[in-house]
């Protein structure tokens, strides 16, 4: 049976149930076409990514670890977030490909439709990198998200969500700032972590 490794790169600021469901949905789809999905990896970006509201990598990594603590197959990896500069997605996946335990795996880059839609924007993506992510050496599996459309056809593995879920990290941060609850939008362990460290409760 062919082996697959699922990798999601992103801010995870904070991680949500929508992120976790993407992994489960993608794994089900790959199993249906004959893959053995050996692992799912969450790879948070480094602090040098430069995105607004990006709390320190140590916090984002810890929240991701808490979120997957009960999973038998999804884990986190600190290589990307520990780098001294922002690492391009292709280079992150190449780093996983060099690890002996994944040498015989097809590496799938896991994204939502909103991120996949940016592949056509050459101010964001190098076309050569897009080719590497979609038609070799890597593949991209796209979980359709409500309201997002793809403007260009690539060699994606498209997967329809069985349950519509528009939870986003942005919405969670907005709720925290407004003093509202984020419970049941992310694991309770993450909610408690946000409260303990007062993340996003003051303007950044």
N, C-alpha and C. Protein backbone atom coordinates (compact mmCIF):
# COMPACT_ATOMS: atom_id res chain seq x y z
N UNK A 1 0.84 -1.20 0.00
CA UNK A 1 0.00 0.00 0.00
C UNK A 1 0.87 1.25 0.00
N UNK A 2 0.52 2.23 -0.82
CA UNK A 2 1.25 3.48 -0.86
C UNK A 2 1.12 4.23 0.46
N UNK A 3 2.19 4.91 0.85
CA UNK A 3 2.19 5.67 2.10
C UNK A 3 2.11 7.16 1.80
N UNK A 4 1.43 7.88 2.68
CA UNK A 4 1.31 9.33 2.52
C UNK A 4 1.58 10.02 3.85
N UNK A 5 2.15 11.21 3.74
CA UNK A 5 2.37 12.09 4.88
C UNK A 5 1.63 13.38 4.61
N UNK A 6 0.80 13.81 5.54
CA UNK A 6 0.06 15.07 5.42
C UNK A 6 0.76 16.15 6.22
N UNK A 7 1.02 17.29 5.58
CA UNK A 7 1.68 18.40 6.27
C UNK A 7 0.89 19.69 6.05
N UNK A 8 0.59 20.37 7.14
CA UNK A 8 -0.07 21.67 7.07
C UNK A 8 0.87 22.72 7.67
N UNK A 9 1.16 23.74 6.89
CA UNK A 9 1.98 24.86 7.36
C UNK A 9 1.07 26.07 7.56
N UNK A 10 1.37 26.87 8.56
CA UNK A 10 0.54 28.05 8.77
C UNK A 10 0.84 28.73 10.08
N UNK A 11 0.09 29.77 10.37
CA UNK A 11 0.30 30.52 11.59
C UNK A 11 -0.23 29.78 12.82
N UNK A 12 -1.43 29.20 12.67
CA UNK A 12 -2.10 28.52 13.79
C UNK A 12 -2.13 29.45 15.00
N UNK A 13 -2.77 30.59 14.78
CA UNK A 13 -2.71 31.67 15.75
C UNK A 13 -4.11 32.15 16.17
N UNK A 14 -4.88 31.29 16.87
CA UNK A 14 -4.54 29.96 17.38
C UNK A 14 -5.07 28.85 16.47
N UNK A 15 -4.69 27.62 16.78
CA UNK A 15 -5.23 26.47 16.09
C UNK A 15 -6.71 26.32 16.43
N UNK A 16 -7.51 25.83 15.49
CA UNK A 16 -8.95 25.69 15.70
C UNK A 16 -9.39 24.27 15.36
N UNK A 17 -10.65 23.98 15.66
CA UNK A 17 -11.20 22.68 15.28
C UNK A 17 -11.25 22.52 13.76
N UNK A 18 -11.37 23.63 13.03
CA UNK A 18 -11.39 23.55 11.58
C UNK A 18 -10.06 23.00 11.05
N UNK A 19 -8.95 23.42 11.64
CA UNK A 19 -7.65 22.89 11.24
C UNK A 19 -7.59 21.38 11.47
N UNK A 20 -8.06 20.96 12.62
CA UNK A 20 -8.00 19.54 12.97
C UNK A 20 -8.91 18.71 12.07
N UNK A 21 -10.08 19.24 11.74
CA UNK A 21 -11.01 18.51 10.86
C UNK A 21 -10.43 18.36 9.45
N UNK A 22 -9.65 19.34 9.01
CA UNK A 22 -9.02 19.23 7.70
C UNK A 22 -8.16 17.97 7.62
N UNK A 23 -7.42 17.70 8.68
CA UNK A 23 -6.58 16.50 8.69
C UNK A 23 -7.43 15.24 8.60
N UNK A 24 -8.49 15.16 9.38
CA UNK A 24 -9.32 13.96 9.38
C UNK A 24 -10.00 13.76 8.02
N UNK A 25 -10.49 14.86 7.44
CA UNK A 25 -11.15 14.78 6.14
C UNK A 25 -10.17 14.35 5.05
N UNK A 26 -8.97 14.92 5.08
CA UNK A 26 -7.96 14.57 4.09
C UNK A 26 -7.53 13.12 4.23
N UNK A 27 -7.36 12.66 5.45
CA UNK A 27 -6.94 11.27 5.65
C UNK A 27 -8.00 10.31 5.11
N UNK A 28 -9.27 10.58 5.42
CA UNK A 28 -10.35 9.72 4.91
C UNK A 28 -10.30 9.64 3.39
N UNK A 29 -10.08 10.79 2.74
CA UNK A 29 -10.06 10.82 1.29
C UNK A 29 -8.88 10.03 0.72
N UNK A 30 -7.71 10.15 1.34
CA UNK A 30 -6.54 9.43 0.85
C UNK A 30 -6.66 7.93 1.08
N UNK A 31 -7.26 7.56 2.19
CA UNK A 31 -7.51 6.13 2.44
C UNK A 31 -8.41 5.56 1.35
N UNK A 32 -9.40 6.34 0.94
CA UNK A 32 -10.34 5.89 -0.09
C UNK A 32 -9.64 5.60 -1.42
N UNK A 33 -8.51 6.28 -1.68
CA UNK A 33 -7.83 6.05 -2.96
C UNK A 33 -6.58 5.17 -2.78
N UNK A 34 -6.51 4.50 -1.64
CA UNK A 34 -5.50 3.47 -1.48
C UNK A 34 -4.24 3.82 -0.72
N UNK A 35 -4.23 4.95 -0.02
CA UNK A 35 -3.06 5.33 0.75
C UNK A 35 -3.15 4.88 2.20
N UNK A 36 -2.00 4.62 2.78
CA UNK A 36 -1.86 4.47 4.22
C UNK A 36 -1.26 5.78 4.72
N UNK A 37 -2.05 6.57 5.42
CA UNK A 37 -1.57 7.87 5.91
C UNK A 37 -0.81 7.63 7.21
N UNK A 38 0.50 7.75 7.16
CA UNK A 38 1.33 7.38 8.30
C UNK A 38 1.32 8.45 9.40
N UNK A 39 1.15 9.70 9.00
CA UNK A 39 1.17 10.77 10.00
C UNK A 39 0.64 12.06 9.41
N UNK A 40 0.10 12.89 10.29
CA UNK A 40 -0.25 14.25 9.93
C UNK A 40 0.61 15.18 10.76
N UNK A 41 1.20 16.18 10.14
CA UNK A 41 2.12 17.08 10.84
C UNK A 41 1.64 18.52 10.74
N UNK A 42 1.57 19.18 11.88
CA UNK A 42 1.27 20.61 11.94
C UNK A 42 2.59 21.34 12.11
N UNK A 43 2.89 22.25 11.18
CA UNK A 43 4.16 22.96 11.18
C UNK A 43 3.92 24.46 11.26
N UNK A 44 3.96 25.05 12.46
CA UNK A 44 3.74 26.49 12.59
C UNK A 44 4.89 27.30 11.99
N UNK A 45 4.55 28.45 11.41
CA UNK A 45 5.57 29.33 10.84
C UNK A 45 6.40 29.96 11.95
N UNK A 46 7.55 30.47 11.57
CA UNK A 46 8.43 31.13 12.55
C UNK A 46 7.92 32.53 12.86
N UNK A 47 8.52 33.14 13.87
CA UNK A 47 8.15 34.50 14.24
C UNK A 47 8.51 35.51 13.17
N UNK A 48 9.31 35.11 12.18
CA UNK A 48 9.77 36.02 11.14
C UNK A 48 8.80 36.08 9.96
N UNK A 49 7.67 35.42 10.07
CA UNK A 49 6.68 35.43 8.99
C UNK A 49 6.11 36.82 8.78
N UNK A 50 5.98 37.57 9.88
CA UNK A 50 5.58 38.97 9.76
C UNK A 50 4.09 39.22 9.69
N UNK A 51 3.28 38.24 10.03
CA UNK A 51 1.83 38.41 9.95
C UNK A 51 1.31 39.13 11.19
N UNK A 52 0.29 39.95 11.00
CA UNK A 52 -0.33 40.66 12.11
C UNK A 52 -0.92 39.68 13.11
N UNK A 53 -0.85 40.02 14.39
CA UNK A 53 -1.41 39.22 15.47
C UNK A 53 -0.68 37.90 15.70
N UNK A 54 0.54 37.78 15.18
CA UNK A 54 1.29 36.54 15.32
C UNK A 54 1.99 36.52 16.68
N UNK A 55 1.43 35.77 17.62
CA UNK A 55 2.08 35.66 18.92
C UNK A 55 3.32 34.78 18.78
N UNK A 56 4.15 34.79 19.79
CA UNK A 56 5.43 34.08 19.74
C UNK A 56 5.25 32.61 19.38
N UNK A 57 6.20 32.10 18.62
CA UNK A 57 6.15 30.71 18.15
C UNK A 57 6.03 29.73 19.32
N UNK A 58 6.65 30.03 20.43
CA UNK A 58 6.58 29.10 21.56
C UNK A 58 5.13 28.92 22.02
N UNK A 59 4.33 29.98 21.94
CA UNK A 59 2.92 29.87 22.32
C UNK A 59 2.14 29.10 21.27
N UNK A 60 2.35 29.43 20.00
CA UNK A 60 1.60 28.75 18.94
C UNK A 60 1.93 27.28 18.87
N UNK A 61 3.20 26.94 19.05
CA UNK A 61 3.60 25.54 19.05
C UNK A 61 2.98 24.79 20.22
N UNK A 62 2.99 25.39 21.38
CA UNK A 62 2.43 24.73 22.55
C UNK A 62 0.92 24.52 22.41
N UNK A 63 0.21 25.50 21.84
CA UNK A 63 -1.22 25.33 21.63
C UNK A 63 -1.50 24.20 20.65
N UNK A 64 -0.66 24.09 19.62
CA UNK A 64 -0.83 22.99 18.65
C UNK A 64 -0.59 21.65 19.33
N UNK A 65 0.42 21.58 20.18
CA UNK A 65 0.70 20.34 20.90
C UNK A 65 -0.48 19.96 21.79
N UNK A 66 -1.03 20.94 22.47
CA UNK A 66 -2.18 20.67 23.32
C UNK A 66 -3.37 20.18 22.50
N UNK A 67 -3.57 20.79 21.34
CA UNK A 67 -4.73 20.46 20.50
C UNK A 67 -4.69 19.03 19.98
N UNK A 68 -3.49 18.50 19.75
CA UNK A 68 -3.37 17.15 19.17
C UNK A 68 -2.93 16.11 20.20
N UNK A 69 -2.96 16.48 21.46
CA UNK A 69 -2.44 15.59 22.50
C UNK A 69 -3.20 14.26 22.58
N UNK A 70 -4.45 14.25 22.13
CA UNK A 70 -5.22 13.01 22.19
C UNK A 70 -5.28 12.28 20.84
N UNK A 71 -4.63 12.84 19.83
CA UNK A 71 -4.65 12.22 18.51
C UNK A 71 -3.62 11.10 18.43
N UNK A 72 -3.99 10.03 17.75
CA UNK A 72 -3.07 8.90 17.57
C UNK A 72 -2.17 9.07 16.35
N UNK A 73 -2.48 10.08 15.50
CA UNK A 73 -1.69 10.19 14.27
C UNK A 73 -1.30 11.60 13.87
N UNK A 74 -1.91 12.62 14.45
CA UNK A 74 -1.54 14.01 14.14
C UNK A 74 -0.55 14.49 15.20
N UNK A 75 0.52 15.13 14.74
CA UNK A 75 1.52 15.63 15.66
C UNK A 75 1.96 17.03 15.24
N UNK A 76 2.86 17.61 15.99
CA UNK A 76 3.41 18.92 15.65
C UNK A 76 4.91 18.79 15.41
N UNK A 77 5.44 19.77 14.70
CA UNK A 77 6.88 19.77 14.43
C UNK A 77 7.40 21.18 14.61
N UNK A 78 8.54 21.31 15.29
CA UNK A 78 9.06 22.63 15.62
C UNK A 78 10.18 23.11 14.70
N UNK A 79 10.48 22.34 13.64
CA UNK A 79 11.61 22.73 12.78
C UNK A 79 11.36 24.09 12.14
N UNK A 80 10.21 24.28 11.50
CA UNK A 80 9.94 25.53 10.79
C UNK A 80 9.91 26.72 11.73
N UNK A 81 9.22 26.58 12.86
CA UNK A 81 9.06 27.74 13.74
C UNK A 81 10.33 28.07 14.52
N UNK A 82 11.33 27.20 14.47
CA UNK A 82 12.58 27.47 15.18
C UNK A 82 13.63 28.11 14.28
N UNK A 83 13.31 28.32 13.00
CA UNK A 83 14.28 28.90 12.07
C UNK A 83 14.47 30.41 12.32
N UNK A 84 15.64 30.90 11.93
CA UNK A 84 15.99 32.31 12.15
C UNK A 84 15.39 33.24 11.11
N UNK A 85 14.72 32.67 10.10
CA UNK A 85 14.05 33.48 9.08
C UNK A 85 12.83 32.71 8.59
N UNK A 86 11.97 33.41 7.85
CA UNK A 86 10.80 32.74 7.30
C UNK A 86 11.23 31.70 6.27
N UNK A 87 10.66 30.50 6.35
CA UNK A 87 11.01 29.41 5.44
C UNK A 87 9.88 29.19 4.44
N UNK A 88 10.21 29.16 3.17
CA UNK A 88 9.21 28.93 2.14
C UNK A 88 8.64 27.52 2.26
N UNK A 89 7.38 27.38 1.89
CA UNK A 89 6.68 26.11 2.06
C UNK A 89 7.40 24.95 1.39
N UNK A 90 7.87 25.15 0.18
CA UNK A 90 8.59 24.07 -0.53
C UNK A 90 9.79 23.60 0.28
N UNK A 91 10.51 24.54 0.88
CA UNK A 91 11.68 24.17 1.67
C UNK A 91 11.30 23.41 2.94
N UNK A 92 10.16 23.75 3.50
CA UNK A 92 9.68 23.01 4.67
C UNK A 92 9.38 21.56 4.28
N UNK A 93 8.68 21.38 3.17
CA UNK A 93 8.34 20.02 2.73
C UNK A 93 9.59 19.24 2.33
N UNK A 94 10.55 19.92 1.73
CA UNK A 94 11.80 19.25 1.37
C UNK A 94 12.52 18.74 2.62
N UNK A 95 12.41 19.49 3.68
CA UNK A 95 13.04 19.08 4.94
C UNK A 95 12.41 17.80 5.47
N UNK A 96 11.07 17.69 5.35
CA UNK A 96 10.42 16.45 5.78
C UNK A 96 10.78 15.29 4.86
N UNK A 97 10.91 15.57 3.57
CA UNK A 97 11.24 14.52 2.60
C UNK A 97 12.61 13.92 2.87
N UNK A 98 13.50 14.70 3.48
CA UNK A 98 14.85 14.20 3.76
C UNK A 98 14.91 13.31 5.00
N UNK A 99 13.86 13.29 5.78
CA UNK A 99 13.87 12.47 6.98
C UNK A 99 13.67 11.00 6.62
N UNK A 100 14.53 10.13 7.12
CA UNK A 100 14.47 8.71 6.74
C UNK A 100 13.11 8.05 6.95
N UNK A 101 12.40 8.43 8.01
CA UNK A 101 11.11 7.78 8.31
C UNK A 101 10.02 8.11 7.29
N UNK A 102 10.26 9.16 6.47
CA UNK A 102 9.26 9.54 5.48
C UNK A 102 9.77 9.35 4.05
N UNK A 103 10.89 8.66 3.91
CA UNK A 103 11.53 8.52 2.60
C UNK A 103 10.64 7.83 1.57
N UNK A 104 9.78 6.94 2.03
CA UNK A 104 8.91 6.20 1.09
C UNK A 104 7.48 6.74 1.08
N UNK A 105 7.30 7.97 1.55
CA UNK A 105 5.96 8.57 1.62
C UNK A 105 5.75 9.60 0.51
N UNK A 106 4.56 9.63 -0.03
CA UNK A 106 4.14 10.75 -0.87
C UNK A 106 3.73 11.87 0.08
N UNK A 107 4.39 13.01 -0.02
CA UNK A 107 4.07 14.11 0.88
C UNK A 107 2.98 14.98 0.27
N UNK A 108 1.89 15.13 1.03
CA UNK A 108 0.78 15.97 0.62
C UNK A 108 0.77 17.25 1.45
N UNK A 109 0.74 18.38 0.76
CA UNK A 109 0.59 19.68 1.40
C UNK A 109 -0.91 19.90 1.60
N UNK A 110 -1.32 20.08 2.84
CA UNK A 110 -2.74 20.18 3.18
C UNK A 110 -3.16 21.64 3.33
N UNK A 111 -4.16 22.06 2.53
CA UNK A 111 -4.61 23.45 2.56
C UNK A 111 -6.13 23.51 2.41
N UNK A 112 -6.68 24.68 2.75
CA UNK A 112 -8.08 24.96 2.47
C UNK A 112 -8.19 25.68 1.14
N UNK A 113 -9.40 25.81 0.63
CA UNK A 113 -9.60 26.45 -0.66
C UNK A 113 -9.11 27.90 -0.66
N UNK A 114 -9.24 28.58 0.47
CA UNK A 114 -8.82 29.97 0.52
C UNK A 114 -7.32 30.12 0.27
N UNK A 115 -6.52 29.24 0.83
CA UNK A 115 -5.08 29.30 0.60
C UNK A 115 -4.73 28.82 -0.81
N UNK A 116 -5.38 27.75 -1.26
CA UNK A 116 -5.11 27.25 -2.61
C UNK A 116 -5.41 28.31 -3.66
N UNK A 117 -6.39 29.16 -3.41
CA UNK A 117 -6.75 30.20 -4.37
C UNK A 117 -5.63 31.21 -4.57
N UNK A 118 -4.70 31.31 -3.61
CA UNK A 118 -3.61 32.27 -3.74
C UNK A 118 -2.47 31.75 -4.62
N UNK A 119 -2.51 30.46 -5.01
CA UNK A 119 -1.44 29.90 -5.82
C UNK A 119 -1.26 30.65 -7.15
N UNK A 120 -2.33 31.25 -7.65
CA UNK A 120 -2.27 31.98 -8.92
C UNK A 120 -1.63 33.36 -8.77
N UNK A 121 -1.42 33.82 -7.54
CA UNK A 121 -0.87 35.14 -7.28
C UNK A 121 0.66 35.06 -7.22
N UNK A 122 1.31 35.56 -8.27
CA UNK A 122 2.75 35.45 -8.35
C UNK A 122 3.49 36.41 -7.43
N UNK A 123 2.75 37.31 -6.77
CA UNK A 123 3.38 38.15 -5.75
C UNK A 123 3.51 37.38 -4.44
N UNK A 124 2.79 36.26 -4.34
CA UNK A 124 2.84 35.43 -3.14
C UNK A 124 3.63 34.15 -3.38
N UNK A 125 3.40 33.54 -4.55
CA UNK A 125 4.00 32.24 -4.85
C UNK A 125 4.88 32.29 -6.09
N UNK A 126 6.03 31.68 -6.02
CA UNK A 126 6.87 31.46 -7.19
C UNK A 126 6.21 30.35 -8.02
N UNK A 127 5.92 30.59 -9.30
CA UNK A 127 5.28 29.56 -10.12
C UNK A 127 6.01 28.22 -10.11
N UNK A 128 7.35 28.24 -10.01
CA UNK A 128 8.10 27.00 -9.94
C UNK A 128 7.78 26.23 -8.66
N UNK A 129 7.54 26.97 -7.59
CA UNK A 129 7.20 26.32 -6.33
C UNK A 129 5.79 25.74 -6.39
N UNK A 130 4.89 26.46 -7.05
CA UNK A 130 3.53 25.94 -7.21
C UNK A 130 3.56 24.62 -7.97
N UNK A 131 4.40 24.58 -9.02
CA UNK A 131 4.53 23.34 -9.79
C UNK A 131 5.05 22.21 -8.91
N UNK A 132 6.00 22.51 -8.05
CA UNK A 132 6.56 21.50 -7.16
C UNK A 132 5.53 21.00 -6.14
N UNK A 133 4.63 21.90 -5.75
CA UNK A 133 3.62 21.55 -4.74
C UNK A 133 2.43 20.81 -5.33
N UNK A 134 2.26 20.88 -6.63
CA UNK A 134 1.05 20.30 -7.22
C UNK A 134 1.30 19.11 -8.14
N UNK A 135 2.45 19.10 -8.80
CA UNK A 135 2.67 18.01 -9.76
C UNK A 135 4.06 17.40 -9.66
N UNK A 136 4.67 17.55 -8.54
CA UNK A 136 5.94 16.89 -8.28
C UNK A 136 6.98 17.86 -7.79
N UNK A 137 7.76 17.38 -6.78
CA UNK A 137 7.72 16.09 -6.13
C UNK A 137 6.61 15.92 -5.08
N UNK A 138 5.92 17.01 -4.78
CA UNK A 138 4.87 16.96 -3.77
C UNK A 138 3.49 17.03 -4.42
N UNK A 139 2.47 16.80 -3.62
CA UNK A 139 1.09 16.96 -4.08
C UNK A 139 0.36 17.83 -3.06
N UNK A 140 -0.72 18.44 -3.52
CA UNK A 140 -1.52 19.30 -2.65
C UNK A 140 -2.94 18.76 -2.57
N UNK A 141 -3.43 18.61 -1.36
CA UNK A 141 -4.81 18.19 -1.14
C UNK A 141 -5.57 19.38 -0.57
N UNK A 142 -6.67 19.73 -1.22
CA UNK A 142 -7.42 20.93 -0.89
C UNK A 142 -8.76 20.56 -0.28
N UNK A 143 -9.01 21.05 0.92
CA UNK A 143 -10.30 20.86 1.57
C UNK A 143 -11.16 22.07 1.26
N UNK A 144 -12.25 21.85 0.57
CA UNK A 144 -13.11 22.97 0.16
C UNK A 144 -13.71 23.67 1.37
N UNK A 145 -13.56 24.98 1.38
CA UNK A 145 -14.13 25.80 2.46
C UNK A 145 -15.22 26.68 1.88
N UNK A 146 -16.21 26.92 2.68
CA UNK A 146 -17.37 27.69 2.24
C UNK A 146 -16.97 29.09 1.78
N UNK A 147 -17.42 29.46 0.58
CA UNK A 147 -17.23 30.82 0.08
C UNK A 147 -15.94 31.08 -0.67
N UNK A 148 -15.02 30.11 -0.67
CA UNK A 148 -13.75 30.31 -1.36
C UNK A 148 -13.78 29.63 -2.72
N UNK A 149 -13.27 30.31 -3.74
CA UNK A 149 -13.27 29.78 -5.09
C UNK A 149 -11.85 29.75 -5.65
N UNK A 150 -11.59 28.76 -6.49
CA UNK A 150 -10.29 28.67 -7.16
C UNK A 150 -10.40 29.30 -8.55
N UNK A 151 -9.50 30.24 -8.86
CA UNK A 151 -9.57 30.95 -10.13
C UNK A 151 -8.79 30.23 -11.23
N UNK A 152 -8.03 29.24 -10.86
CA UNK A 152 -7.21 28.54 -11.85
C UNK A 152 -7.14 27.07 -11.47
N UNK A 153 -7.16 26.21 -12.47
CA UNK A 153 -7.11 24.78 -12.20
C UNK A 153 -5.66 24.31 -12.08
N UNK A 154 -5.37 23.65 -10.99
CA UNK A 154 -4.08 23.02 -10.78
C UNK A 154 -4.32 21.53 -10.53
N UNK A 155 -3.23 20.80 -10.42
CA UNK A 155 -3.35 19.37 -10.17
C UNK A 155 -3.55 19.12 -8.68
N UNK A 156 -4.68 19.60 -8.18
CA UNK A 156 -5.03 19.41 -6.78
C UNK A 156 -5.81 18.11 -6.61
N UNK A 157 -5.72 17.56 -5.41
CA UNK A 157 -6.69 16.56 -4.98
C UNK A 157 -7.75 17.33 -4.19
N UNK A 158 -8.93 17.49 -4.77
CA UNK A 158 -9.99 18.28 -4.15
C UNK A 158 -10.87 17.38 -3.29
N UNK A 159 -11.19 17.84 -2.09
CA UNK A 159 -12.02 17.07 -1.17
C UNK A 159 -13.12 17.96 -0.63
N UNK A 160 -14.34 17.53 -0.77
CA UNK A 160 -15.47 18.29 -0.23
C UNK A 160 -15.61 18.01 1.26
N UNK A 161 -15.82 19.07 2.04
CA UNK A 161 -16.06 18.90 3.46
C UNK A 161 -17.45 18.31 3.67
N UNK A 162 -17.54 17.27 4.48
CA UNK A 162 -18.83 16.68 4.77
C UNK A 162 -19.64 17.56 5.72
N UNK A 163 -18.91 18.40 6.47
CA UNK A 163 -19.56 19.34 7.39
C UNK A 163 -18.98 20.73 7.12
N UNK A 164 -19.83 21.69 6.83
CA UNK A 164 -19.37 23.05 6.58
C UNK A 164 -18.86 23.67 7.88
N UNK A 165 -17.66 24.21 7.82
CA UNK A 165 -17.03 24.75 9.02
C UNK A 165 -16.26 26.01 8.64
N UNK A 166 -16.76 27.17 9.07
CA UNK A 166 -16.07 28.42 8.71
C UNK A 166 -15.35 29.03 9.91
N UNK A 167 -15.04 28.19 10.89
CA UNK A 167 -14.24 28.67 12.02
C UNK A 167 -12.87 29.09 11.49
N UNK A 168 -12.37 30.22 11.96
CA UNK A 168 -11.05 30.67 11.55
C UNK A 168 -10.31 31.24 12.75
N UNK A 169 -8.99 31.24 12.66
CA UNK A 169 -8.17 31.83 13.72
C UNK A 169 -8.50 33.30 13.90
N UNK A 170 -8.76 33.99 12.78
CA UNK A 170 -9.10 35.42 12.84
C UNK A 170 -10.34 35.64 13.69
N UNK A 171 -11.37 34.81 13.48
CA UNK A 171 -12.61 34.96 14.25
C UNK A 171 -12.37 34.70 15.74
N UNK A 172 -11.51 33.74 16.04
CA UNK A 172 -11.21 33.45 17.44
C UNK A 172 -10.50 34.63 18.10
N UNK A 173 -9.55 35.22 17.40
CA UNK A 173 -8.84 36.38 17.96
C UNK A 173 -9.81 37.54 18.19
N UNK A 174 -10.71 37.74 17.25
CA UNK A 174 -11.70 38.82 17.40
C UNK A 174 -12.58 38.59 18.62
N UNK A 175 -12.98 37.35 18.84
CA UNK A 175 -13.81 37.03 19.99
C UNK A 175 -13.06 37.26 21.30
N UNK A 176 -11.80 36.85 21.32
CA UNK A 176 -10.99 37.05 22.53
C UNK A 176 -10.87 38.53 22.85
N UNK A 177 -10.59 39.33 21.83
CA UNK A 177 -10.44 40.77 22.04
C UNK A 177 -11.74 41.41 22.52
N UNK A 178 -12.87 40.83 22.07
CA UNK A 178 -14.17 41.38 22.48
C UNK A 178 -14.62 40.83 23.83
N UNK A 179 -13.81 40.00 24.43
CA UNK A 179 -14.15 39.43 25.72
C UNK A 179 -15.18 38.32 25.64
N UNK A 180 -15.31 37.71 24.46
CA UNK A 180 -16.29 36.64 24.25
C UNK A 180 -15.62 35.27 24.36
N UNK A 181 -16.44 34.27 24.54
CA UNK A 181 -15.94 32.91 24.69
C UNK A 181 -15.52 32.30 23.35
N UNK A 182 -14.43 31.53 23.39
CA UNK A 182 -14.03 30.74 22.22
C UNK A 182 -14.12 29.24 22.52
N UNK A 183 -14.76 28.92 23.62
CA UNK A 183 -14.92 27.51 23.98
C UNK A 183 -15.75 26.78 22.94
N UNK A 184 -15.32 25.55 22.63
CA UNK A 184 -15.94 24.68 21.62
C UNK A 184 -15.66 25.10 20.18
N UNK A 185 -14.78 26.11 20.02
CA UNK A 185 -14.28 26.46 18.69
C UNK A 185 -12.85 25.94 18.51
N UNK A 186 -12.24 25.60 19.62
CA UNK A 186 -10.90 25.04 19.70
C UNK A 186 -10.87 24.18 20.94
N UNK A 187 -9.96 23.22 21.06
CA UNK A 187 -9.94 22.37 22.24
C UNK A 187 -9.86 23.17 23.54
N UNK A 188 -10.48 22.64 24.58
CA UNK A 188 -10.51 23.34 25.88
C UNK A 188 -9.11 23.63 26.40
N UNK A 189 -8.16 22.75 26.11
CA UNK A 189 -6.79 22.97 26.55
C UNK A 189 -6.20 24.23 25.92
N UNK A 190 -6.60 24.52 24.67
CA UNK A 190 -6.14 25.73 23.99
C UNK A 190 -6.83 26.95 24.58
N UNK A 191 -8.11 26.83 24.85
CA UNK A 191 -8.86 27.93 25.49
C UNK A 191 -8.18 28.31 26.81
N UNK A 192 -7.86 27.31 27.61
CA UNK A 192 -7.23 27.56 28.91
C UNK A 192 -5.85 28.19 28.75
N UNK A 193 -5.13 27.78 27.72
CA UNK A 193 -3.80 28.34 27.47
C UNK A 193 -3.91 29.82 27.09
N UNK A 194 -4.86 30.14 26.21
CA UNK A 194 -5.08 31.54 25.82
C UNK A 194 -5.40 32.38 27.05
N UNK A 195 -6.24 31.85 27.94
CA UNK A 195 -6.60 32.57 29.16
C UNK A 195 -5.39 32.74 30.10
N UNK A 196 -4.62 31.67 30.25
CA UNK A 196 -3.48 31.70 31.17
C UNK A 196 -2.46 32.75 30.77
N UNK A 197 -2.21 32.88 29.48
CA UNK A 197 -1.19 33.82 29.00
C UNK A 197 -1.78 35.11 28.45
N UNK A 198 -3.10 35.27 28.60
CA UNK A 198 -3.79 36.50 28.15
C UNK A 198 -3.45 36.85 26.70
N UNK A 199 -3.43 35.83 25.84
CA UNK A 199 -3.09 36.06 24.45
C UNK A 199 -4.20 36.81 23.73
N UNK A 200 -3.82 37.79 22.92
CA UNK A 200 -4.73 38.60 22.09
C UNK A 200 -5.72 39.44 22.89
N UNK A 201 -5.50 39.57 24.17
CA UNK A 201 -6.44 40.35 24.98
C UNK A 201 -6.06 41.82 25.06
N UNK A 202 -4.89 42.15 24.53
CA UNK A 202 -4.49 43.55 24.43
C UNK A 202 -4.06 43.82 23.00
N UNK A 203 -4.22 45.04 22.50
CA UNK A 203 -3.83 45.35 21.12
C UNK A 203 -2.35 45.04 20.89
N UNK A 204 -2.05 44.53 19.67
CA UNK A 204 -0.65 44.20 19.36
C UNK A 204 -0.07 45.23 18.39
